[in-house]
Amino acid sequence: MLKLNGVELGLQQFPNGETRINGDEILKQMADYNTLAWKYEEDGDLIKLMFVKSYLDDRRARCSLTIYYMPYSRMDRIEGTSAFTLKYTAALINSLNFESVTVIEPHSDVTLALLDRSIGKYPTIHLLEQVTAEIGFDPEQDYLFFPDAGAQKRYSKVRGYKELVGFKSRDFQTGEIKSLEIVGNTDRESFKVLIVDDLCSYGGTFMLSAEKLKEIGASHIYLLVGHCEKSIYKGKVLESDLIDKVFTTDTILDQAEHEKIHVYEIGGL
């Protein structure tokens, strides 16, 4: 999905699958300075992004880009013979020469380092107050849980909460988690936990985290993620009693299709 200055472009395809660009539609929304918002749905969106930006360039229209979710952001390093696909994707976006690029909830600093003239915005931090109020979270008694050191660093600006951190070992090639341990001390036998991270796929990390948190005394466990993939409906998070509710944004999901999911509409911020 692409929005030009807040209006979704009705990009269509020719019978052979090629993208059809409606120049009249773009010209209707075009201004001297433009904002293009990109919500990734499939790799073909990269071609659409290139076509629309090139069309704007032909008319010398300045343009910035907002990326709802940066694709391939989990492939932010090389291990063994793995492909550095985040780097390749960033290079393609850089070649389009946007005035600036805003990434919503980047997975790591690597994304921002690879993208030219980029900044990150973190809606999860701003949603914390709303979510904690909804679940009756008491900062004096309850805990935030970050599944790994990367999540703890990503939300390091969060203050005023007790924290627990996970230490996990993962197979980079398969994504399988080999083990997870919890670092931090609890001073109560019964407490609520809000797991905070940037992305949920099938939810294996969060299920394992919830099991460990239950073992140390968590009575209720909730999940807040900036991005939630549709694959959550194929995982075990929603059918299990371990996690009471999932809170996320509309950067990937359009709407909730399960009573345990709450989707906040943030658009392109």
Protein backbone atom coordinates (compact mmCIF):
# COMPACT_ATOMS: atom_id res chain seq x y z
CA MET A 1 0.00 0.00 0.00
CA LEU A 2 1.23 3.46 -0.95
CA LYS A 3 -0.24 6.75 0.21
CA LEU A 4 0.69 10.06 -1.38
CA ASN A 5 0.07 12.98 0.96
CA GLY A 6 -2.34 10.87 3.00
CA VAL A 7 -4.36 9.48 0.08
CA GLU A 8 -4.01 5.81 -0.88
CA LEU A 9 -3.02 5.28 -4.50
CA GLY A 10 -5.20 2.80 -6.37
CA LEU A 11 -2.35 0.99 -8.08
CA GLN A 12 -3.59 -1.73 -10.40
CA GLN A 13 -2.12 -4.39 -12.67
CA PHE A 14 -2.28 -5.12 -16.35
CA PRO A 15 -3.49 -8.62 -17.32
CA ASN A 16 0.12 -9.87 -17.51
CA GLY A 17 0.86 -8.78 -13.94
CA GLU A 18 2.74 -5.56 -14.69
CA THR A 19 1.96 -2.56 -12.49
CA ARG A 20 -0.24 0.15 -13.96
CA ILE A 21 0.61 3.67 -12.78
CA ASN A 22 -2.24 6.17 -13.05
CA GLY A 23 -0.49 9.48 -13.66
CA ASP A 24 -3.69 11.51 -13.31
CA GLU A 25 -4.23 10.08 -9.83
CA ILE A 26 -0.70 11.04 -8.76
CA LEU A 27 -0.91 14.52 -10.27
CA LYS A 28 -4.17 15.13 -8.41
CA GLN A 29 -2.46 14.54 -5.06
CA MET A 30 0.96 15.94 -5.90
CA ALA A 31 2.29 19.05 -4.14
CA ASP A 32 5.56 20.97 -4.18
CA TYR A 33 6.72 18.85 -1.25
CA ASN A 34 5.26 15.37 -0.87
CA THR A 35 5.10 12.60 1.70
CA LEU A 36 4.92 9.03 0.47
CA ALA A 37 3.83 6.44 3.05
CA TRP A 38 4.64 2.80 2.32
CA LYS A 39 2.99 -0.17 4.03
CA TYR A 40 4.81 -3.33 2.97
CA GLU A 41 2.63 -6.23 1.87
CA GLU A 42 4.81 -8.06 -0.66
CA ASP A 43 8.10 -7.65 -2.50
CA GLY A 44 6.28 -6.24 -5.53
CA ASP A 45 5.66 -3.12 -3.44
CA LEU A 46 9.31 -2.19 -3.98
CA ILE A 47 8.66 -1.93 -7.73
CA LYS A 48 5.57 0.19 -7.11
CA LEU A 49 7.58 2.45 -4.79
CA MET A 50 10.23 2.88 -7.47
CA PHE A 51 7.65 3.72 -10.16
CA VAL A 52 5.80 6.32 -8.08
CA LYS A 53 8.99 8.01 -6.87
CA SER A 54 10.40 8.07 -10.41
CA TYR A 55 7.18 9.63 -11.67
CA LEU A 56 7.51 12.35 -9.03
CA ASP A 57 11.17 12.85 -9.94
CA ASP A 58 10.25 13.39 -13.59
CA ARG A 59 8.13 16.30 -12.40
CA ARG A 60 10.83 17.57 -10.02
CA ALA A 61 8.55 17.12 -7.02
CA ARG A 62 10.39 16.77 -3.71
CA CYS A 63 9.39 13.79 -1.60
CA SER A 64 10.03 12.15 1.78
CA LEU A 65 9.22 8.54 2.68
CA THR A 66 7.58 6.98 5.73
CA ILE A 67 8.04 3.21 6.06
CA TYR A 68 5.39 1.55 8.24
CA TYR A 69 7.49 -1.62 8.55
CA MET A 70 10.95 -2.00 7.04
CA PRO A 71 11.03 -5.35 5.20
CA TYR A 72 13.97 -7.70 5.83
CA SER A 73 14.84 -5.78 9.01
CA ARG A 74 15.48 -9.05 10.88
CA MET A 75 18.22 -9.92 8.38
CA ASP A 76 20.43 -7.18 9.79
CA ARG A 77 23.68 -9.12 9.93
CA ILE A 78 25.50 -11.96 8.21
CA GLU A 79 26.00 -15.36 9.78
CA GLY A 80 27.63 -18.08 7.72
CA THR A 81 26.42 -17.93 4.13
CA SER A 82 23.25 -15.93 4.87
CA ALA A 83 22.38 -13.05 2.53
CA PHE A 84 22.44 -9.49 3.91
CA THR A 85 19.00 -8.78 2.45
CA LEU A 86 18.35 -5.75 4.66
CA LYS A 87 21.41 -4.08 3.14
CA TYR A 88 20.21 -4.85 -0.39
CA THR A 89 16.72 -3.51 0.33
CA ALA A 90 18.13 -0.34 1.90
CA ALA A 91 20.39 0.16 -1.13
CA LEU A 92 17.37 0.05 -3.44
CA ILE A 93 15.52 2.63 -1.32
CA ASN A 94 18.63 4.83 -1.15
CA SER A 95 18.84 4.79 -4.93
CA LEU A 96 15.45 6.52 -5.04
CA ASN A 97 17.01 9.51 -3.25
CA PHE A 98 14.24 10.56 -0.89
CA GLU A 99 14.64 13.85 0.96
CA SER A 100 14.25 11.94 4.24
CA VAL A 101 13.12 8.51 5.39
CA THR A 102 11.13 7.82 8.57
CA VAL A 103 11.03 4.23 9.77
CA ILE A 104 8.36 3.24 12.27
CA GLU A 105 9.75 0.97 14.99
CA PRO A 106 13.02 -0.12 13.28
CA HIS A 107 14.21 -3.53 14.43
CA SER A 108 17.74 -2.32 15.16
CA ASP A 109 20.12 0.59 14.62
CA VAL A 110 21.40 -1.24 11.53
CA THR A 111 18.27 -0.25 9.59
CA LEU A 112 18.83 3.44 10.27
CA ALA A 113 22.56 3.12 9.57
CA LEU A 114 21.88 1.60 6.14
CA LEU A 115 19.16 4.06 5.08
CA ASP A 116 20.29 7.52 4.02
CA ARG A 117 18.82 10.53 5.86
CA SER A 118 16.70 8.29 8.09
CA ILE A 119 15.13 8.58 11.54
CA GLY A 120 13.16 6.12 13.65
CA LYS A 121 9.86 6.63 15.45
CA TYR A 122 8.69 4.32 18.23
CA PRO A 123 4.91 4.21 18.75
CA THR A 124 5.27 1.38 21.26
CA ILE A 125 6.84 3.80 23.74
CA HIS A 126 3.95 6.24 23.31
CA LEU A 127 1.36 3.45 23.66
CA LEU A 128 2.77 2.19 26.95
CA GLU A 129 0.67 4.57 29.02
CA GLN A 130 -2.56 3.58 27.26
CA VAL A 131 -1.86 -0.14 27.47
CA THR A 132 -0.78 -0.15 31.11
CA ALA A 133 -3.93 1.79 32.03
CA GLU A 134 -6.12 -0.71 30.19
CA ILE A 135 -4.63 -3.79 31.87
CA GLY A 136 -4.44 -2.25 35.35
CA PHE A 137 -0.65 -2.33 35.41
CA ASP A 138 0.92 -1.03 38.64
CA PRO A 139 4.51 0.24 38.07
CA GLU A 140 5.25 -0.30 41.74
CA GLN A 141 4.37 -3.99 41.66
CA ASP A 142 4.36 -5.19 38.05
CA TYR A 143 7.09 -5.65 35.42
CA LEU A 144 7.98 -4.86 31.84
CA PHE A 145 9.74 -7.75 30.13
CA PHE A 146 12.09 -7.33 27.19
CA PRO A 147 12.70 -10.67 25.41
CA ASP A 148 16.34 -9.84 24.64
CA ALA A 149 19.03 -7.18 25.05
CA GLY A 150 18.10 -5.71 21.66
CA ALA A 151 14.57 -4.94 22.85
CA GLN A 152 15.91 -3.48 26.09
CA LYS A 153 18.20 -1.18 24.12
CA ARG A 154 15.45 -0.23 21.65
CA TYR A 155 13.20 0.98 24.49
CA SER A 156 15.94 2.36 26.72
CA LYS A 157 14.12 5.71 26.94
CA VAL A 158 11.34 4.09 28.96
CA ARG A 159 11.55 5.14 32.61
CA GLY A 160 9.62 4.46 35.78
CA TYR A 161 9.03 0.72 35.35
CA LYS A 162 10.49 -2.41 36.90
CA GLU A 163 12.20 -4.46 34.22
CA LEU A 164 13.06 -8.06 33.44
CA VAL A 165 15.16 -9.08 30.44
CA GLY A 166 15.38 -12.33 28.49
CA PHE A 167 18.61 -13.87 27.31
CA LYS A 168 17.95 -16.15 24.35
CA SER A 169 19.97 -18.33 22.04
CA ARG A 170 18.62 -18.51 18.47
CA ASP A 171 19.53 -20.41 15.30
CA PHE A 172 19.94 -17.50 12.87
CA GLN A 173 19.29 -19.62 9.79
CA THR A 174 16.04 -21.22 10.97
CA GLY A 175 14.91 -18.58 13.49
CA GLU A 176 14.39 -21.34 16.08
CA ILE A 177 15.04 -20.36 19.71
CA LYS A 178 17.31 -22.86 21.41
CA SER A 179 16.96 -21.50 24.95
CA LEU A 180 15.74 -18.51 26.96
CA GLU A 181 16.63 -17.38 30.47
CA ILE A 182 15.24 -14.46 32.48
CA VAL A 183 17.65 -11.93 33.97
CA GLY A 184 16.41 -9.86 36.91
CA ASN A 185 14.86 -10.33 40.33
CA THR A 186 11.23 -10.23 41.41
CA ASP A 187 10.14 -9.27 44.93
CA ARG A 188 6.58 -10.63 44.76
CA GLU A 189 4.97 -14.01 44.23
CA SER A 190 2.15 -12.70 42.01
CA PHE A 191 2.49 -9.86 39.49
CA LYS A 192 1.49 -8.74 36.01
CA VAL A 193 3.98 -8.65 33.14
CA LEU A 194 3.82 -6.63 29.94
CA ILE A 195 6.12 -8.08 27.27
CA VAL A 196 7.40 -5.29 24.99
CA ASP A 197 9.05 -5.83 21.61
CA ASP A 198 8.99 -4.54 18.04
CA LEU A 199 7.68 -7.52 16.08
CA CYS A 200 5.53 -10.61 16.50
CA SER A 201 5.46 -13.32 13.85
CA TYR A 202 4.21 -16.74 14.99
CA GLY A 203 4.94 -15.75 18.57
CA GLY A 204 7.31 -18.56 19.60
CA THR A 205 9.60 -16.19 21.52
CA PHE A 206 6.69 -14.77 23.48
CA MET A 207 5.21 -18.17 24.27
CA LEU A 208 8.54 -19.37 25.64
CA SER A 209 8.93 -16.09 27.54
CA ALA A 210 5.46 -16.46 29.04
CA GLU A 211 6.24 -20.00 30.20
CA LYS A 212 9.37 -18.79 31.97
CA LEU A 213 7.54 -15.79 33.47
CA LYS A 214 4.79 -18.03 34.83
CA GLU A 215 7.46 -20.15 36.49
CA ILE A 216 8.74 -17.17 38.47
CA GLY A 217 5.30 -15.99 39.57
CA ALA A 218 3.60 -13.98 36.82
CA SER A 219 -0.18 -14.10 37.23
CA HIS A 220 -1.18 -12.23 34.05
CA ILE A 221 0.91 -11.67 30.93
CA TYR A 222 0.25 -9.22 28.12
CA LEU A 223 2.11 -8.45 24.89
CA LEU A 224 2.74 -5.07 23.26
CA VAL A 225 4.47 -5.07 19.86
CA GLY A 226 4.94 -2.30 17.31
CA HIS A 227 4.40 -4.67 14.38
CA CYS A 228 2.32 -7.86 14.25
CA GLU A 229 2.40 -10.15 11.24
CA LYS A 230 -0.65 -12.09 10.07
CA SER A 231 1.23 -15.28 10.91
CA ILE A 232 0.19 -14.75 14.55
CA TYR A 233 -3.11 -16.38 13.56
CA LYS A 234 -1.18 -19.54 12.69
CA GLY A 235 0.83 -19.62 15.92
CA LYS A 236 -0.16 -20.67 19.43
CA VAL A 237 -0.37 -17.25 21.12
CA LEU A 238 -4.10 -16.78 20.55
CA GLU A 239 -5.16 -20.30 21.44
CA SER A 240 -3.10 -20.44 24.65
CA ASP A 241 -3.98 -19.07 28.09
CA LEU A 242 -0.39 -17.99 28.71
CA ILE A 243 -0.81 -14.53 27.14
CA ASP A 244 -4.00 -12.70 28.05
CA LYS A 245 -4.05 -10.05 25.31
CA VAL A 246 -1.95 -8.73 22.42
CA PHE A 247 -1.66 -5.01 21.70
CA THR A 248 -0.20 -3.80 18.41
CA THR A 249 -0.50 -1.14 15.68
CA ASP A 250 -1.80 -1.06 12.12
CA THR A 251 1.67 -0.99 10.51
CA ILE A 252 1.06 -4.54 9.21
CA LEU A 253 -2.37 -5.70 10.38
CA ASP A 254 -5.32 -3.66 9.13
CA GLN A 255 -7.66 -4.81 11.87
CA ALA A 256 -7.95 -7.45 14.57
CA GLU A 257 -9.44 -10.79 13.55
CA HIS A 258 -9.37 -12.24 17.06
CA GLU A 259 -10.79 -11.00 20.37
CA LYS A 260 -7.38 -11.24 22.06
CA ILE A 261 -5.81 -8.70 19.67
CA HIS A 262 -6.19 -4.94 19.96
CA VAL A 263 -4.95 -2.89 17.00
CA TYR A 264 -4.19 0.80 17.53
CA GLU A 265 -4.60 2.97 14.46
CA ILE A 266 -1.47 5.08 14.16
CA GLY A 267 -1.27 5.41 10.38
CA GLY A 268 2.05 6.93 9.35
CA LEU A 269 2.31 8.90 12.62
